[in-house]
Amino acid sequence: MPRTEATTEPGTDEASPPGSGPEETLDLRLPDEFLEILLEDGDGTPPAHEVPAAVQKPWDTSADLLDTPADWGPVNTPAGDFHLVPVVPERDLSLITRWMNDPAVAAYWDLAGPETVTAAHLRGQCDGAGRSFPCLGVLDGTPMSYFEIYRADLDPLARHYPARPHDTGIHLLLGGVADRGRGLGSVLLRAVSDLVLDRRPRCARVIAEPDLRNTPSVSAFLRAGFRFFAEVDLPEKRAALMVRDRGLRDLL
């Protein structure tokens, strides 16, 4: 999965040196979701005789892992009414493919090409056992952005930073050229990260990892209330790890 966003707003911030505070300490207690995943058998269903009674329940991983973003509902923003709508590949493939082939997007998402390229990416998102939620950002009734809401603590990203249970990540691209360069990315990132914190009470932090070279994207996150946490080397890029803390959401 690409770990980057295409927005267009500039800025920098300082990173705290690794190990400089309690935030760098990794909480090693495994969340319940890890236990559930380890207990899955080949068809994705836990063998009932091997699952502790407290874990047995209808196997709805999408609801368990991300608290059902499809039900989060619309919110009012300074740019208009905004709604996260689940991606339906059969309906949305052409639109998202067109966005992915925009040079400004392709430079960081690396998904330019025919519809089969985008389809494979969306299939991976939709088949991720509830760890990721791909959605369209609909502003005043018009689809204009693509989001991925994902469990950062259950993602390979967690190998590269001190993850905490229920850390939730965001990827964003703005689809139309006319929607870039006027602060809209920051408005939407703040709105969506607010939704995460409001609808996911167990989540203390929202995480993002735009490409460090993508200054407009890093700036958009800073303006949306994220802080620059560290530089991290990921397999496909050197990233700026951005964090929005629940405790600081009203201060930044």
Protein backbone atom coordinates (compact mmCIF):
# COMPACT_ATOMS: atom_id res chain seq x y z
CA MET A 1 0.00 0.00 0.00
CA PRO A 2 1.53 3.37 -0.83
CA ARG A 3 2.11 5.52 2.18
CA THR A 4 1.69 9.03 0.86
CA GLU A 5 -0.80 11.73 0.11
CA ALA A 6 -1.24 14.19 -2.76
CA THR A 7 -2.15 17.64 -1.47
CA THR A 8 -0.63 21.01 -2.12
CA GLU A 9 -0.08 23.19 0.91
CA PRO A 10 4.10 24.21 2.31
CA GLY A 11 5.57 23.83 5.84
CA THR A 12 8.03 22.31 8.25
CA ASP A 13 8.24 21.42 11.92
CA GLU A 14 10.76 19.98 14.36
CA ALA A 15 10.96 16.32 15.25
CA SER A 16 11.65 15.23 18.79
CA PRO A 17 14.83 13.13 18.83
CA PRO A 18 14.17 9.40 19.22
CA GLY A 19 14.01 8.32 22.82
CA SER A 20 13.53 11.87 24.11
CA GLY A 21 10.30 11.20 26.04
CA PRO A 22 7.69 8.73 27.18
CA GLU A 23 6.06 8.79 23.74
CA GLU A 24 8.96 6.72 22.40
CA THR A 25 8.17 3.78 24.70
CA LEU A 26 6.42 0.93 22.94
CA ASP A 27 3.43 -0.51 24.77
CA LEU A 28 3.99 -4.25 24.42
CA ARG A 29 0.51 -5.37 25.55
CA LEU A 30 -1.14 -7.05 22.61
CA PRO A 31 -4.62 -5.70 21.86
CA ASP A 32 -7.48 -8.18 21.62
CA GLU A 33 -7.46 -7.92 17.83
CA PHE A 34 -4.00 -9.50 17.66
CA LEU A 35 -5.27 -12.49 19.62
CA GLU A 36 -8.23 -12.83 17.29
CA ILE A 37 -6.04 -12.67 14.19
CA LEU A 38 -3.66 -15.28 15.55
CA LEU A 39 -6.62 -17.59 16.17
CA GLU A 40 -7.99 -17.37 12.63
CA ASP A 41 -7.93 -20.54 10.57
CA GLY A 42 -7.60 -20.77 6.81
CA ASP A 43 -11.10 -19.50 5.99
CA GLY A 44 -10.84 -16.47 8.27
CA THR A 45 -13.08 -17.94 11.00
CA PRO A 46 -11.70 -18.85 14.44
CA PRO A 47 -12.18 -22.50 15.45
CA ALA A 48 -14.79 -22.23 18.23
CA HIS A 49 -13.11 -24.79 20.45
CA GLU A 50 -9.84 -22.81 20.42
CA VAL A 51 -11.23 -19.33 21.10
CA PRO A 52 -11.65 -18.18 24.70
CA ALA A 53 -15.29 -17.54 25.56
CA ALA A 54 -14.63 -13.84 25.99
CA VAL A 55 -13.45 -13.62 22.38
CA GLN A 56 -16.25 -15.63 20.75
CA LYS A 57 -18.63 -13.33 18.86
CA PRO A 58 -19.98 -12.77 15.36
CA TRP A 59 -16.87 -12.46 13.17
CA ASP A 60 -17.28 -8.88 11.96
CA THR A 61 -13.68 -7.73 11.77
CA SER A 62 -14.43 -4.50 9.92
CA ALA A 63 -16.61 -3.32 12.80
CA ASP A 64 -14.14 -4.53 15.45
CA LEU A 65 -10.99 -3.11 13.91
CA LEU A 66 -12.12 0.35 12.75
CA ASP A 67 -15.48 0.87 14.46
CA THR A 68 -17.39 0.90 11.16
CA PRO A 69 -16.39 4.12 9.34
CA ALA A 70 -19.29 3.61 6.92
CA ASP A 71 -21.61 4.58 9.78
CA TRP A 72 -19.73 7.68 10.90
CA GLY A 73 -22.09 9.97 8.99
CA PRO A 74 -21.63 13.42 7.42
CA VAL A 75 -19.95 16.35 9.16
CA ASN A 76 -20.07 20.06 8.53
CA THR A 77 -16.71 21.67 7.64
CA PRO A 78 -15.68 25.21 6.66
CA ALA A 79 -15.66 23.91 3.06
CA GLY A 80 -19.15 22.38 3.19
CA ASP A 81 -20.87 19.15 4.20
CA PHE A 82 -18.44 16.25 4.05
CA HIS A 83 -19.10 12.52 4.07
CA LEU A 84 -16.89 9.41 3.87
CA VAL A 85 -18.57 6.95 1.50
CA PRO A 86 -17.28 3.37 1.17
CA VAL A 87 -15.61 2.65 -2.16
CA VAL A 88 -17.59 0.36 -4.45
CA PRO A 89 -15.02 -0.78 -7.05
CA GLU A 90 -17.65 -1.50 -9.71
CA ARG A 91 -18.95 2.05 -9.37
CA ASP A 92 -15.80 4.03 -8.50
CA LEU A 93 -12.96 2.34 -10.38
CA SER A 94 -12.96 4.68 -13.38
CA LEU A 95 -12.96 7.82 -11.24
CA ILE A 96 -10.19 6.67 -8.91
CA THR A 97 -8.10 5.43 -11.86
CA ARG A 98 -8.34 8.87 -13.44
CA TRP A 99 -7.13 10.46 -10.21
CA MET A 100 -4.26 7.98 -9.88
CA ASN A 101 -3.07 8.93 -13.38
CA ASP A 102 -2.79 12.60 -12.53
CA PRO A 103 0.99 13.28 -12.51
CA ALA A 104 0.81 15.09 -9.15
CA VAL A 105 -0.82 12.02 -7.60
CA ALA A 106 1.18 9.38 -9.49
CA ALA A 107 4.47 10.88 -8.29
CA TYR A 108 3.71 9.69 -4.74
CA TRP A 109 1.07 6.98 -4.97
CA ASP A 110 2.83 5.13 -7.81
CA LEU A 111 -0.45 3.68 -9.14
CA ALA A 112 -0.57 5.20 -12.60
CA GLY A 113 -1.64 2.89 -15.40
CA PRO A 114 -4.75 1.10 -16.65
CA GLU A 115 -7.77 0.34 -14.50
CA THR A 116 -6.33 -3.07 -13.64
CA VAL A 117 -3.61 -1.36 -11.57
CA THR A 118 -6.10 0.61 -9.51
CA ALA A 119 -8.42 -2.40 -9.28
CA ALA A 120 -5.65 -4.54 -7.77
CA HIS A 121 -4.92 -1.84 -5.19
CA LEU A 122 -8.58 -1.43 -4.25
CA ARG A 123 -9.00 -5.19 -4.03
CA GLY A 124 -6.15 -5.33 -1.52
CA GLN A 125 -7.77 -2.56 0.51
CA CYS A 126 -11.23 -4.12 0.47
CA ASP A 127 -9.92 -7.61 1.28
CA GLY A 128 -7.80 -6.49 4.22
CA ALA A 129 -9.84 -8.24 6.93
CA GLY A 130 -11.13 -4.90 8.18
CA ARG A 131 -7.69 -3.39 8.74
CA SER A 132 -8.24 -0.72 6.07
CA PHE A 133 -11.29 1.20 4.86
CA PRO A 134 -11.06 2.78 1.38
CA CYS A 135 -13.57 5.55 0.83
CA LEU A 136 -14.48 8.52 -1.31
CA GLY A 137 -14.56 11.94 0.27
CA VAL A 138 -17.84 13.52 -0.85
CA LEU A 139 -18.08 17.29 -0.41
CA ASP A 140 -21.52 18.87 -0.84
CA GLY A 141 -22.62 15.79 -2.78
CA THR A 142 -19.59 15.62 -5.11
CA PRO A 143 -16.91 12.90 -4.86
CA MET A 144 -13.64 14.84 -4.84
CA SER A 145 -11.09 12.90 -2.79
CA TYR A 146 -9.96 9.40 -1.91
CA PHE A 147 -9.18 8.33 1.66
CA GLU A 148 -7.82 5.19 3.27
CA ILE A 149 -8.50 4.84 6.99
CA TYR A 150 -6.39 2.01 8.38
CA ARG A 151 -5.20 0.42 11.61
CA ALA A 152 -1.62 1.65 11.81
CA ASP A 153 -0.85 -0.68 14.73
CA LEU A 154 -1.86 -3.70 12.61
CA ASP A 155 -0.05 -2.46 9.49
CA PRO A 156 3.58 -3.12 8.46
CA LEU A 157 4.13 0.55 9.36
CA ALA A 158 4.07 -0.53 13.03
CA ARG A 159 7.50 -2.14 12.55
CA HIS A 160 8.98 1.31 11.93
CA TYR A 161 7.72 3.38 14.86
CA PRO A 162 6.65 2.82 18.51
CA ALA A 163 3.06 1.86 17.72
CA ARG A 164 0.31 1.88 20.32
CA PRO A 165 -2.89 -0.21 20.29
CA HIS A 166 -5.59 1.34 18.10
CA ASP A 167 -3.32 3.87 16.35
CA THR A 168 -5.30 4.81 13.25
CA GLY A 169 -3.73 5.98 9.99
CA ILE A 170 -4.95 8.23 7.18
CA HIS A 171 -3.99 8.42 3.50
CA LEU A 172 -5.49 11.16 1.32
CA LEU A 173 -5.44 12.31 -2.26
CA LEU A 174 -7.36 15.24 -3.66
CA GLY A 175 -8.78 14.26 -7.02
CA GLY A 176 -9.26 17.55 -8.86
CA VAL A 177 -6.58 20.10 -9.67
CA ALA A 178 -9.02 22.87 -8.73
CA ASP A 179 -9.26 21.48 -5.19
CA ARG A 180 -5.52 21.76 -4.55
CA GLY A 181 -3.46 24.68 -3.32
CA ARG A 182 -6.23 26.46 -1.42
CA GLY A 183 -6.14 24.79 2.00
CA LEU A 184 -8.84 22.23 1.33
CA GLY A 185 -6.55 19.30 2.16
CA SER A 186 -5.99 20.64 5.67
CA VAL A 187 -9.72 21.15 6.20
CA LEU A 188 -10.52 17.58 5.21
CA LEU A 189 -7.63 16.06 7.18
CA ARG A 190 -8.78 17.85 10.31
CA ALA A 191 -12.37 16.76 9.72
CA VAL A 192 -11.46 13.12 9.14
CA SER A 193 -9.02 12.92 12.04
CA ASP A 194 -11.71 14.47 14.24
CA LEU A 195 -14.11 11.77 13.05
CA VAL A 196 -11.56 9.09 13.97
CA LEU A 197 -11.07 10.49 17.45
CA ASP A 198 -14.81 11.01 17.99
CA ARG A 199 -15.93 7.61 16.69
CA ARG A 200 -13.00 5.52 17.92
CA PRO A 201 -12.75 6.20 21.67
CA ARG A 202 -9.96 3.62 22.06
CA CYS A 203 -7.77 5.48 19.57
CA ALA A 204 -5.46 8.00 21.23
CA ARG A 205 -3.52 9.01 18.11
CA VAL A 206 -4.09 9.48 14.40
CA ILE A 207 -1.03 8.68 12.30
CA ALA A 208 0.12 9.67 8.82
CA GLU A 209 3.35 9.07 6.89
CA PRO A 210 3.57 11.26 3.77
CA ASP A 211 6.68 11.15 1.66
CA LEU A 212 9.23 13.52 3.20
CA ARG A 213 9.75 15.13 -0.22
CA ASN A 214 6.06 16.00 -0.46
CA THR A 215 6.26 19.35 1.31
CA PRO A 216 2.70 20.40 0.42
CA SER A 217 1.34 17.21 1.99
CA VAL A 218 3.43 17.57 5.15
CA SER A 219 2.26 21.17 5.40
CA ALA A 220 -1.38 20.13 5.04
CA PHE A 221 -1.05 17.74 7.97
CA LEU A 222 0.63 20.42 10.10
CA ARG A 223 -2.20 22.85 9.38
CA ALA A 224 -4.70 20.11 10.26
CA GLY A 225 -3.37 19.79 13.82
CA PHE A 226 -0.79 17.06 13.31
CA ARG A 227 2.76 17.42 14.59
CA PHE A 228 5.97 16.21 13.01
CA PHE A 229 7.09 13.23 15.10
CA ALA A 230 10.09 11.73 13.26
CA GLU A 231 11.59 10.73 9.94
CA VAL A 232 11.17 7.03 9.20
CA ASP A 233 12.65 4.83 6.49
CA LEU A 234 9.90 2.75 4.90
CA PRO A 235 10.49 0.19 2.13
CA GLU A 236 9.15 2.51 -0.56
CA LYS A 237 10.14 5.95 0.76
CA ARG A 238 11.58 8.12 3.52
CA ALA A 239 8.51 9.41 5.32
CA ALA A 240 7.55 12.19 7.68
CA LEU A 241 5.71 10.53 10.56
CA MET A 242 2.87 12.85 11.52
CA VAL A 243 0.82 12.42 14.69
CA ARG A 244 -2.39 14.00 15.91
CA ASP A 245 -2.85 13.34 19.61
CA ARG A 246 -6.24 13.19 21.27
CA GLY A 247 -4.91 15.23 24.19
CA LEU A 248 -3.65 18.01 21.92
CA ARG A 249 -6.49 18.13 19.41
CA ASP A 250 -7.89 21.38 20.77
CA LEU A 251 -4.47 23.06 21.01
CA LEU A 252 -3.09 22.49 17.50
